[in-house]
């Protein structure tokens, strides 16, 4: 997963729900120095909560994504993140930065 262009990660999930697996896995795929290069915030919901879990991302170019982790699996979430990150990578190569 290309995390170089992510500036902020916010997750909301119920740690006791099986539907929160995607959000937990996404956090585990972030690099160890993620807190130095991006703002990471996590909100844990109570056990009885029925609120949906999601991952919200902000990229260097200002684009924001809110991904429903209950419907998308970890592959789908990573695909969406990598798709936009590859676009930003190509733009960076073309501008020579």
PDB file of N, CA and C in Angstrom:
ATOM      1  N   UNK A   1       0.843  -1.169   0.000  1.00  0.00           N
ATOM      2  CA  UNK A   1       0.000   0.000   0.000  1.00  0.00           C
ATOM      3  C   UNK A   1       0.896   1.242   0.000  1.00  0.00           C
ATOM      4  N   UNK A   2       0.575   2.183  -0.859  1.00  0.00           N
ATOM      5  CA  UNK A   2       1.346   3.418  -0.987  1.00  0.00           C
ATOM      6  C   UNK A   2       0.791   4.437   0.012  1.00  0.00           C
ATOM      7  N   UNK A   3       1.553   4.752   1.050  1.00  0.00           N
ATOM      8  CA  UNK A   3       1.078   5.668   2.086  1.00  0.00           C
ATOM      9  C   UNK A   3       1.791   7.009   2.043  1.00  0.00           C
ATOM     10  N   UNK A   4       2.676   7.206   1.100  1.00  0.00           N
ATOM     11  CA  UNK A   4       3.504   8.413   1.031  1.00  0.00           C
ATOM     12  C   UNK A   4       2.667   9.687   0.855  1.00  0.00           C
ATOM     13  N   UNK A   5       1.509   9.589   0.220  1.00  0.00           N
ATOM     14  CA  UNK A   5       0.711  10.774  -0.091  1.00  0.00           C
ATOM     15  C   UNK A   5      -0.444  10.999   0.880  1.00  0.00           C
ATOM     16  N   UNK A   6      -0.604  10.134   1.871  1.00  0.00           N
ATOM     17  CA  UNK A   6      -1.680  10.273   2.849  1.00  0.00           C
ATOM     18  C   UNK A   6      -1.223  11.241   3.936  1.00  0.00           C
ATOM     19  N   UNK A   7      -2.083  12.222   4.264  1.00  0.00           N
ATOM     20  CA  UNK A   7      -1.741  13.178   5.310  1.00  0.00           C
ATOM     21  C   UNK A   7      -2.532  12.941   6.589  1.00  0.00           C
ATOM     22  N   UNK A   8      -3.696  12.316   6.480  1.00  0.00           N
ATOM     23  CA  UNK A   8      -4.525  12.111   7.667  1.00  0.00           C
ATOM     24  C   UNK A   8      -5.343  10.837   7.524  1.00  0.00           C
ATOM     25  N   UNK A   9      -5.416  10.066   8.608  1.00  0.00           N
ATOM     26  CA  UNK A   9      -6.206   8.844   8.656  1.00  0.00           C
ATOM     27  C   UNK A   9      -7.086   8.903   9.895  1.00  0.00           C
ATOM     28  N   UNK A  10      -8.391   8.732   9.704  1.00  0.00           N
ATOM     29  CA  UNK A  10      -9.324   8.670  10.828  1.00  0.00           C
ATOM     30  C   UNK A  10     -10.120   7.382  10.696  1.00  0.00           C
ATOM     31  N   UNK A  11     -10.198   6.621  11.770  1.00  0.00           N
ATOM     32  CA  UNK A  11     -10.980   5.396  11.752  1.00  0.00           C
ATOM     33  C   UNK A  11     -11.973   5.411  12.893  1.00  0.00           C
ATOM     34  N   UNK A  12     -13.135   4.827  12.640  1.00  0.00           N
ATOM     35  CA  UNK A  12     -14.161   4.641  13.649  1.00  0.00           C
ATOM     36  C   UNK A  12     -14.613   3.201  13.530  1.00  0.00           C
ATOM     37  N   UNK A  13     -14.519   2.452  14.633  1.00  0.00           N
ATOM     38  CA  UNK A  13     -14.970   1.071  14.594  1.00  0.00           C
ATOM     39  C   UNK A  13     -15.252   0.535  15.987  1.00  0.00           C
ATOM     40  N   UNK A  14     -16.063  -0.506  16.027  1.00  0.00           N
ATOM     41  CA  UNK A  14     -16.377  -1.231  17.248  1.00  0.00           C
ATOM     42  C   UNK A  14     -15.401  -2.400  17.307  1.00  0.00           C
ATOM     43  N   UNK A  15     -14.469  -2.423  18.236  1.00  0.00           N
ATOM     44  CA  UNK A  15     -13.452  -3.480  18.243  1.00  0.00           C
ATOM     45  C   UNK A  15     -14.007  -4.879  18.492  1.00  0.00           C
ATOM     46  N   UNK A  16     -15.241  -4.962  18.987  1.00  0.00           N
ATOM     47  CA  UNK A  16     -15.842  -6.256  19.274  1.00  0.00           C
ATOM     48  C   UNK A  16     -16.669  -6.801  18.115  1.00  0.00           C
ATOM     49  N   UNK A  17     -16.868  -5.997  17.088  1.00  0.00           N
ATOM     50  CA  UNK A  17     -17.684  -6.405  15.949  1.00  0.00           C
ATOM     51  C   UNK A  17     -16.828  -7.101  14.887  1.00  0.00           C
ATOM     52  N   UNK A  18     -17.320  -8.209  14.324  1.00  0.00           N
ATOM     53  CA  UNK A  18     -16.572  -8.852  13.243  1.00  0.00           C
ATOM     54  C   UNK A  18     -16.496  -7.983  11.974  1.00  0.00           C
ATOM     55  N   UNK A  19     -17.423  -7.038  11.837  1.00  0.00           N
ATOM     56  CA  UNK A  19     -17.423  -6.151  10.672  1.00  0.00           C
ATOM     57  C   UNK A  19     -16.300  -5.118  10.730  1.00  0.00           C
ATOM     58  N   UNK A  20     -15.652  -4.985  11.878  1.00  0.00           N
ATOM     59  CA  UNK A  20     -14.581  -3.997  12.042  1.00  0.00           C
ATOM     60  C   UNK A  20     -13.219  -4.547  11.635  1.00  0.00           C
ATOM     61  N   UNK A  21     -13.185  -5.758  11.154  1.00  0.00           N
ATOM     62  CA  UNK A  21     -11.907  -6.389  10.803  1.00  0.00           C
ATOM     63  C   UNK A  21     -11.141  -5.577   9.753  1.00  0.00           C
ATOM     64  N   UNK A  22     -11.853  -5.064   8.766  1.00  0.00           N
ATOM     65  CA  UNK A  22     -11.200  -4.305   7.701  1.00  0.00           C
ATOM     66  C   UNK A  22     -10.528  -3.047   8.257  1.00  0.00           C
ATOM     67  N   UNK A  23     -11.198  -2.334   9.151  1.00  0.00           N
ATOM     68  CA  UNK A  23     -10.615  -1.120   9.729  1.00  0.00           C
ATOM     69  C   UNK A  23      -9.381  -1.460  10.564  1.00  0.00           C
ATOM     70  N   UNK A  24      -9.451  -2.545  11.326  1.00  0.00           N
ATOM     71  CA  UNK A  24      -8.292  -2.945  12.143  1.00  0.00           C
ATOM     72  C   UNK A  24      -7.124  -3.369  11.262  1.00  0.00           C
ATOM     73  N   UNK A  25      -7.410  -4.098  10.197  1.00  0.00           N
ATOM     74  CA  UNK A  25      -6.346  -4.520   9.285  1.00  0.00           C
ATOM     75  C   UNK A  25      -5.713  -3.321   8.578  1.00  0.00           C
ATOM     76  N   UNK A  26      -6.547  -2.350   8.190  1.00  0.00           N
ATOM     77  CA  UNK A  26      -6.008  -1.162   7.529  1.00  0.00           C
ATOM     78  C   UNK A  26      -5.015  -0.456   8.436  1.00  0.00           C
ATOM     79  N   UNK A  27      -5.356  -0.304   9.711  1.00  0.00           N
ATOM     80  CA  UNK A  27      -4.439   0.336  10.652  1.00  0.00           C
ATOM     81  C   UNK A  27      -3.148  -0.467  10.806  1.00  0.00           C
ATOM     82  N   UNK A  28      -3.256  -1.776  10.743  1.00  0.00           N
ATOM     83  CA  UNK A  28      -2.048  -2.598  10.887  1.00  0.00           C
ATOM     84  C   UNK A  28      -1.136  -2.506   9.663  1.00  0.00           C
ATOM     85  N   UNK A  29      -1.691  -2.131   8.497  1.00  0.00           N
ATOM     86  CA  UNK A  29      -0.883  -2.002   7.283  1.00  0.00           C
ATOM     87  C   UNK A  29      -0.161  -0.661   7.190  1.00  0.00           C
ATOM     88  N   UNK A  30      -0.457   0.279   8.082  1.00  0.00           N
ATOM     89  CA  UNK A  30       0.258   1.553   8.067  1.00  0.00           C
ATOM     90  C   UNK A  30       1.695   1.313   8.521  1.00  0.00           C
ATOM     91  N   UNK A  31       2.652   2.048   7.962  1.00  0.00           N
ATOM     92  CA  UNK A  31       4.057   1.841   8.341  1.00  0.00           C
ATOM     93  C   UNK A  31       4.311   2.267   9.795  1.00  0.00           C
ATOM     94  N   UNK A  32       5.374   1.767  10.406  1.00  0.00           N
ATOM     95  CA  UNK A  32       5.671   2.101  11.804  1.00  0.00           C
ATOM     96  C   UNK A  32       5.867   3.594  12.065  1.00  0.00           C
ATOM     97  N   UNK A  33       6.358   4.334  11.088  1.00  0.00           N
ATOM     98  CA  UNK A  33       6.570   5.771  11.280  1.00  0.00           C
ATOM     99  C   UNK A  33       5.378   6.606  10.809  1.00  0.00           C
ATOM    100  N   UNK A  34       4.210   6.008  10.724  1.00  0.00           N
ATOM    101  CA  UNK A  34       3.034   6.697  10.195  1.00  0.00           C
ATOM    102  C   UNK A  34       2.657   7.922  11.013  1.00  0.00           C
ATOM    103  N   UNK A  35       2.789   7.855  12.309  1.00  0.00           N
ATOM    104  CA  UNK A  35       2.406   8.992  13.159  1.00  0.00           C
ATOM    105  C   UNK A  35       3.333  10.193  12.975  1.00  0.00           C
ATOM    106  N   UNK A  36       4.509   9.990  12.400  1.00  0.00           N
ATOM    107  CA  UNK A  36       5.420  11.100  12.147  1.00  0.00           C
ATOM    108  C   UNK A  36       5.112  11.778  10.817  1.00  0.00           C
ATOM    109  N   UNK A  37       4.554  11.035   9.873  1.00  0.00           N
ATOM    110  CA  UNK A  37       4.307  11.581   8.546  1.00  0.00           C
ATOM    111  C   UNK A  37       2.846  11.934   8.303  1.00  0.00           C
ATOM    112  N   UNK A  38       1.932  11.432   9.136  1.00  0.00           N
ATOM    113  CA  UNK A  38       0.506  11.701   8.952  1.00  0.00           C
ATOM    114  C   UNK A  38      -0.191  11.758  10.310  1.00  0.00           C
ATOM    115  N   UNK A  39      -1.347  12.380  10.310  1.00  0.00           N
ATOM    116  CA  UNK A  39      -2.144  12.445  11.534  1.00  0.00           C
ATOM    117  C   UNK A  39      -3.051  11.212  11.562  1.00  0.00           C
ATOM    118  N   UNK A  40      -2.926  10.406  12.606  1.00  0.00           N
ATOM    119  CA  UNK A  40      -3.724   9.183  12.737  1.00  0.00           C
ATOM    120  C   UNK A  40      -4.611   9.326  13.962  1.00  0.00           C
ATOM    121  N   UNK A  41      -5.928   9.186  13.744  1.00  0.00           N
ATOM    122  CA  UNK A  41      -6.853   9.231  14.873  1.00  0.00           C
ATOM    123  C   UNK A  41      -7.800   8.043  14.783  1.00  0.00           C
ATOM    124  N   UNK A  42      -8.100   7.478  15.941  1.00  0.00           N
ATOM    125  CA  UNK A  42      -8.954   6.302  16.017  1.00  0.00           C
ATOM    126  C   UNK A  42     -10.022   6.534  17.071  1.00  0.00           C
ATOM    127  N   UNK A  43     -11.258   6.231  16.717  1.00  0.00           N
ATOM    128  CA  UNK A  43     -12.351   6.328  17.677  1.00  0.00           C
ATOM    129  C   UNK A  43     -12.930   4.930  17.843  1.00  0.00           C
ATOM    130  N   UNK A  44     -12.905   4.445  19.065  1.00  0.00           N
ATOM    131  CA  UNK A  44     -13.464   3.130  19.359  1.00  0.00           C
ATOM    132  C   UNK A  44     -14.896   3.294  19.845  1.00  0.00           C
ATOM    133  N   UNK A  45     -15.803   2.546  19.230  1.00  0.00           N
ATOM    134  CA  UNK A  45     -17.207   2.587  19.605  1.00  0.00           C
ATOM    135  C   UNK A  45     -17.464   1.590  20.732  1.00  0.00           C
ATOM    136  N   UNK A  46     -18.483   1.824  21.547  1.00  0.00           N
ATOM    137  CA  UNK A  46     -18.800   0.861  22.603  1.00  0.00           C
ATOM    138  C   UNK A  46     -19.337  -0.451  22.030  1.00  0.00           C
ATOM    139  N   UNK A  47     -19.306  -1.478  22.832  1.00  0.00           N
ATOM    140  CA  UNK A  47     -19.696  -2.821  22.412  1.00  0.00           C
ATOM    141  C   UNK A  47     -21.117  -2.872  21.847  1.00  0.00           C
ATOM    142  N   UNK A  48     -22.035  -2.109  22.410  1.00  0.00           N
ATOM    143  CA  UNK A  48     -23.441  -2.178  21.996  1.00  0.00           C
ATOM    144  C   UNK A  48     -23.767  -1.265  20.821  1.00  0.00           C
ATOM    145  N   UNK A  49     -22.802  -0.525  20.335  1.00  0.00           N
ATOM    146  CA  UNK A  49     -23.024   0.439  19.256  1.00  0.00           C
ATOM    147  C   UNK A  49     -23.350  -0.260  17.937  1.00  0.00           C
ATOM    148  N   UNK A  50     -24.293   0.326  17.221  1.00  0.00           N
ATOM    149  CA  UNK A  50     -24.674  -0.175  15.893  1.00  0.00           C
ATOM    150  C   UNK A  50     -24.176   0.743  14.783  1.00  0.00           C
ATOM    151  N   UNK A  51     -23.384   1.750  15.149  1.00  0.00           N
ATOM    152  CA  UNK A  51     -22.836   2.679  14.155  1.00  0.00           C
ATOM    153  C   UNK A  51     -21.894   1.935  13.207  1.00  0.00           C
ATOM    154  N   UNK A  52     -21.889   2.319  11.937  1.00  0.00           N
ATOM    155  CA  UNK A  52     -21.001   1.639  10.978  1.00  0.00           C
ATOM    156  C   UNK A  52     -19.537   2.028  11.191  1.00  0.00           C
ATOM    157  N   UNK A  53     -18.659   1.118  10.846  1.00  0.00           N
ATOM    158  CA  UNK A  53     -17.232   1.423  10.920  1.00  0.00           C
ATOM    159  C   UNK A  53     -16.780   1.960   9.565  1.00  0.00           C
ATOM    160  N   UNK A  54     -15.814   2.878   9.599  1.00  0.00           N
ATOM    161  CA  UNK A  54     -15.314   3.461   8.356  1.00  0.00           C
ATOM    162  C   UNK A  54     -13.897   3.952   8.541  1.00  0.00           C
ATOM    163  N   UNK A  55     -13.247   4.198   7.408  1.00  0.00           N
ATOM    164  CA  UNK A  55     -11.912   4.792   7.367  1.00  0.00           C
ATOM    165  C   UNK A  55     -12.026   6.061   6.536  1.00  0.00           C
ATOM    166  N   UNK A  56     -11.560   7.158   7.075  1.00  0.00           N
ATOM    167  CA  UNK A  56     -11.573   8.424   6.356  1.00  0.00           C
ATOM    168  C   UNK A  56     -10.132   8.856   6.128  1.00  0.00           C
ATOM    169  N   UNK A  57      -9.818   9.209   4.895  1.00  0.00           N
ATOM    170  CA  UNK A  57      -8.451   9.559   4.507  1.00  0.00           C
ATOM    171  C   UNK A  57      -8.400  10.932   3.876  1.00  0.00           C
ATOM    172  N   UNK A  58      -7.298  11.632   4.097  1.00  0.00           N
ATOM    173  CA  UNK A  58      -7.016  12.885   3.399  1.00  0.00           C
ATOM    174  C   UNK A  58      -5.668  12.725   2.731  1.00  0.00           C
ATOM    175  N   UNK A  59      -5.593  13.156   1.481  1.00  0.00           N
ATOM    176  CA  UNK A  59      -4.366  13.050   0.709  1.00  0.00           C
ATOM    177  C   UNK A  59      -3.696  14.403   0.586  1.00  0.00           C
ATOM    178  N   UNK A  60      -2.463  14.383   0.133  1.00  0.00           N
ATOM    179  CA  UNK A  60      -1.646  15.586   0.004  1.00  0.00           C
ATOM    180  C   UNK A  60      -2.273  16.611  -0.935  1.00  0.00           C
ATOM    181  N   UNK A  61      -3.012  16.167  -1.941  1.00  0.00           N
ATOM    182  CA  UNK A  61      -3.629  17.087  -2.898  1.00  0.00           C
ATOM    183  C   UNK A  61      -4.970  17.639  -2.411  1.00  0.00           C
ATOM    184  N   UNK A  62      -5.410  17.254  -1.202  1.00  0.00           N
ATOM    185  CA  UNK A  62      -6.649  17.771  -0.637  1.00  0.00           C
ATOM    186  C   UNK A  62      -7.843  16.850  -0.799  1.00  0.00           C
ATOM    187  N   UNK A  63      -7.697  15.778  -1.549  1.00  0.00           N
ATOM    188  CA  UNK A  63      -8.808  14.848  -1.750  1.00  0.00           C
ATOM    189  C   UNK A  63      -9.101  14.109  -0.447  1.00  0.00           C
ATOM    190  N   UNK A  64     -10.397  13.953  -0.163  1.00  0.00           N
ATOM    191  CA  UNK A  64     -10.827  13.211   1.016  1.00  0.00           C
ATOM    192  C   UNK A  64     -11.616  11.995   0.570  1.00  0.00           C
ATOM    193  N   UNK A  65     -11.382  10.880   1.243  1.00  0.00           N
ATOM    194  CA  UNK A  65     -12.105   9.634   0.963  1.00  0.00           C
ATOM    195  C   UNK A  65     -12.700   9.125   2.262  1.00  0.00           C
ATOM    196  N   UNK A  66     -13.941   8.720   2.203  1.00  0.00           N
ATOM    197  CA  UNK A  66     -14.563   8.057   3.347  1.00  0.00           C
ATOM    198  C   UNK A  66     -14.995   6.678   2.852  1.00  0.00           C
ATOM    199  N   UNK A  67     -14.301   5.660   3.322  1.00  0.00           N
ATOM    200  CA  UNK A  67     -14.521   4.303   2.839  1.00  0.00           C
ATOM    201  C   UNK A  67     -15.282   3.496   3.880  1.00  0.00           C
ATOM    202  N   UNK A  68     -16.380   2.884   3.455  1.00  0.00           N
ATOM    203  CA  UNK A  68     -17.194   2.048   4.335  1.00  0.00           C
ATOM    204  C   UNK A  68     -16.523   0.685   4.452  1.00  0.00           C
ATOM    205  N   UNK A  69     -15.936   0.422   5.591  1.00  0.00           N
ATOM    206  CA  UNK A  69     -15.177  -0.818   5.761  1.00  0.00           C
ATOM    207  C   UNK A  69     -16.067  -2.018   6.019  1.00  0.00           C
ATOM    208  N   UNK A  70     -17.371  -1.789   6.247  1.00  0.00           N
ATOM    209  CA  UNK A  70     -18.274  -2.921   6.424  1.00  0.00           C
ATOM    210  C   UNK A  70     -18.652  -3.526   5.079  1.00  0.00           C
ATOM    211  N   UNK A  71     -18.651  -2.707   4.032  1.00  0.00           N
ATOM    212  CA  UNK A  71     -19.006  -3.201   2.701  1.00  0.00           C
ATOM    213  C   UNK A  71     -17.777  -3.569   1.885  1.00  0.00           C
ATOM    214  N   UNK A  72     -16.724  -2.758   2.006  1.00  0.00           N
ATOM    215  CA  UNK A  72     -15.474  -3.043   1.287  1.00  0.00           C
ATOM    216  C   UNK A  72     -14.591  -3.934   2.151  1.00  0.00           C
ATOM    217  N   UNK A  73     -13.966  -4.894   1.562  1.00  0.00           N
ATOM    218  CA  UNK A  73     -12.980  -5.689   2.287  1.00  0.00           C
ATOM    219  C   UNK A  73     -11.653  -4.954   2.303  1.00  0.00           C
ATOM    220  N   UNK A  74     -10.662  -5.562   2.903  1.00  0.00           N
ATOM    221  CA  UNK A  74      -9.354  -4.912   2.990  1.00  0.00           C
ATOM    222  C   UNK A  74      -8.740  -4.734   1.602  1.00  0.00           C
ATOM    223  N   UNK A  75      -8.997  -5.680   0.704  1.00  0.00           N
ATOM    224  CA  UNK A  75      -8.477  -5.540  -0.664  1.00  0.00           C
ATOM    225  C   UNK A  75      -9.113  -4.353  -1.369  1.00  0.00           C
ATOM    226  N   UNK A  76     -10.418  -4.158  -1.168  1.00  0.00           N
ATOM    227  CA  UNK A  76     -11.112  -3.031  -1.788  1.00  0.00           C
ATOM    228  C   UNK A  76     -10.623  -1.693  -1.269  1.00  0.00           C
ATOM    229  N   UNK A  77     -10.398  -1.617   0.032  1.00  0.00           N
ATOM    230  CA  UNK A  77      -9.912  -0.371   0.639  1.00  0.00           C
ATOM    231  C   UNK A  77      -8.507  -0.066   0.130  1.00  0.00           C
ATOM    232  N   UNK A  78      -7.649  -1.066   0.133  1.00  0.00           N
ATOM    233  CA  UNK A  78      -6.276  -0.858  -0.337  1.00  0.00           C
ATOM    234  C   UNK A  78      -6.252  -0.504  -1.820  1.00  0.00           C
ATOM    235  N   UNK A  79      -7.157  -1.080  -2.591  1.00  0.00           N
ATOM    236  CA  UNK A  79      -7.246  -0.771  -4.020  1.00  0.00           C
ATOM    237  C   UNK A  79      -7.589   0.702  -4.232  1.00  0.00           C
ATOM    238  N   UNK A  80      -8.561   1.203  -3.469  1.00  0.00           N
ATOM    239  CA  UNK A  80      -8.962   2.603  -3.591  1.00  0.00           C
ATOM    240  C   UNK A  80      -7.822   3.546  -3.197  1.00  0.00           C
ATOM    241  N   UNK A  81      -7.145   3.232  -2.104  1.00  0.00           N
ATOM    242  CA  UNK A  81      -6.033   4.069  -1.632  1.00  0.00           C
ATOM    243  C   UNK A  81      -4.902   4.051  -2.652  1.00  0.00           C
ATOM    244  N   UNK A  82      -4.554   2.875  -3.128  1.00  0.00           N
ATOM    245  CA  UNK A  82      -3.457   2.762  -4.100  1.00  0.00           C
ATOM    246  C   UNK A  82      -3.806   3.431  -5.429  1.00  0.00           C
ATOM    247  N   UNK A  83      -5.070   3.372  -5.824  1.00  0.00           N
ATOM    248  CA  UNK A  83      -5.474   3.997  -7.091  1.00  0.00           C
ATOM    249  C   UNK A  83      -5.184   5.493  -7.053  1.00  0.00           C
ATOM    250  N   UNK A  84      -5.605   6.155  -5.991  1.00  0.00           N
ATOM    251  CA  UNK A  84      -5.366   7.604  -5.910  1.00  0.00           C
ATOM    252  C   UNK A  84      -3.887   7.911  -5.681  1.00  0.00           C
ATOM    253  N   UNK A  85      -3.211   7.078  -4.897  1.00  0.00           N
ATOM    254  CA  UNK A  85      -1.782   7.300  -4.643  1.00  0.00           C
ATOM    255  C   UNK A  85      -0.957   7.155  -5.917  1.00  0.00           C
ATOM    256  N   UNK A  86      -1.330   6.229  -6.784  1.00  0.00           N
ATOM    257  CA  UNK A  86      -0.617   6.082  -8.062  1.00  0.00           C
ATOM    258  C   UNK A  86      -0.825   7.306  -8.948  1.00  0.00           C
ATOM    259  N   UNK A  87      -2.020   7.883  -8.915  1.00  0.00           N
ATOM    260  CA  UNK A  87      -2.290   9.099  -9.687  1.00  0.00           C
ATOM    261  C   UNK A  87      -1.393  10.231  -9.185  1.00  0.00           C
ATOM    262  N   UNK A  88      -1.300  10.370  -7.865  1.00  0.00           N
ATOM    263  CA  UNK A  88      -0.444  11.409  -7.291  1.00  0.00           C
ATOM    264  C   UNK A  88       1.024  11.153  -7.591  1.00  0.00           C
ATOM    265  N   UNK A  89       1.420   9.895  -7.604  1.00  0.00           N
ATOM    266  CA  UNK A  89       2.808   9.528  -7.906  1.00  0.00           C
ATOM    267  C   UNK A  89       3.147   9.909  -9.346  1.00  0.00           C
ATOM    268  N   UNK A  90       2.226   9.620 -10.271  1.00  0.00           N
ATOM    269  CA  UNK A  90       2.454   9.987 -11.673  1.00  0.00           C
ATOM    270  C   UNK A  90       2.556  11.494 -11.838  1.00  0.00           C
ATOM    271  N   UNK A  91       1.669  12.242 -11.155  1.00  0.00           N
ATOM    272  CA  UNK A  91       1.731  13.692 -11.236  1.00  0.00           C
ATOM    273  C   UNK A  91       3.066  14.225 -10.699  1.00  0.00           C
ATOM    274  N   UNK A  92       3.552  13.629  -9.638  1.00  0.00           N
ATOM    275  CA  UNK A  92       4.821  14.050  -9.047  1.00  0.00           C
ATOM    276  C   UNK A  92       5.980  13.769 -10.016  1.00  0.00           C
ATOM    277  N   UNK A  93       5.941  12.617 -10.681  1.00  0.00           N
ATOM    278  CA  UNK A  93       6.974  12.290 -11.659  1.00  0.00           C
ATOM    279  C   UNK A  93       6.963  13.246 -12.830  1.00  0.00           C
ATOM    280  N   UNK A  94       5.761  13.613 -13.289  1.00  0.00           N
ATOM    281  CA  UNK A  94       5.659  14.495 -14.452  1.00  0.00           C
ATOM    282  C   UNK A  94       6.110  15.926 -14.125  1.00  0.00           C
ATOM    283  N   UNK A  95       5.871  16.373 -12.907  1.00  0.00           N
ATOM    284  CA  UNK A  95       6.288  17.723 -12.551  1.00  0.00           C
ATOM    285  C   UNK A  95       7.746  17.779 -12.121  1.00  0.00           C
ATOM    286  N   UNK A  96       8.348  16.632 -11.858  1.00  0.00           N
ATOM    287  CA  UNK A  96       9.759  16.585 -11.535  1.00  0.00           C
ATOM    288  C   UNK A  96      10.093  16.898 -10.094  1.00  0.00           C
ATOM    289  N   UNK A  97       9.106  16.803  -9.209  1.00  0.00           N
ATOM    290  CA  UNK A  97       9.355  17.085  -7.783  1.00  0.00           C
ATOM    291  C   UNK A  97       9.851  15.866  -7.063  1.00  0.00           C
TER     292      UNK A  97
END
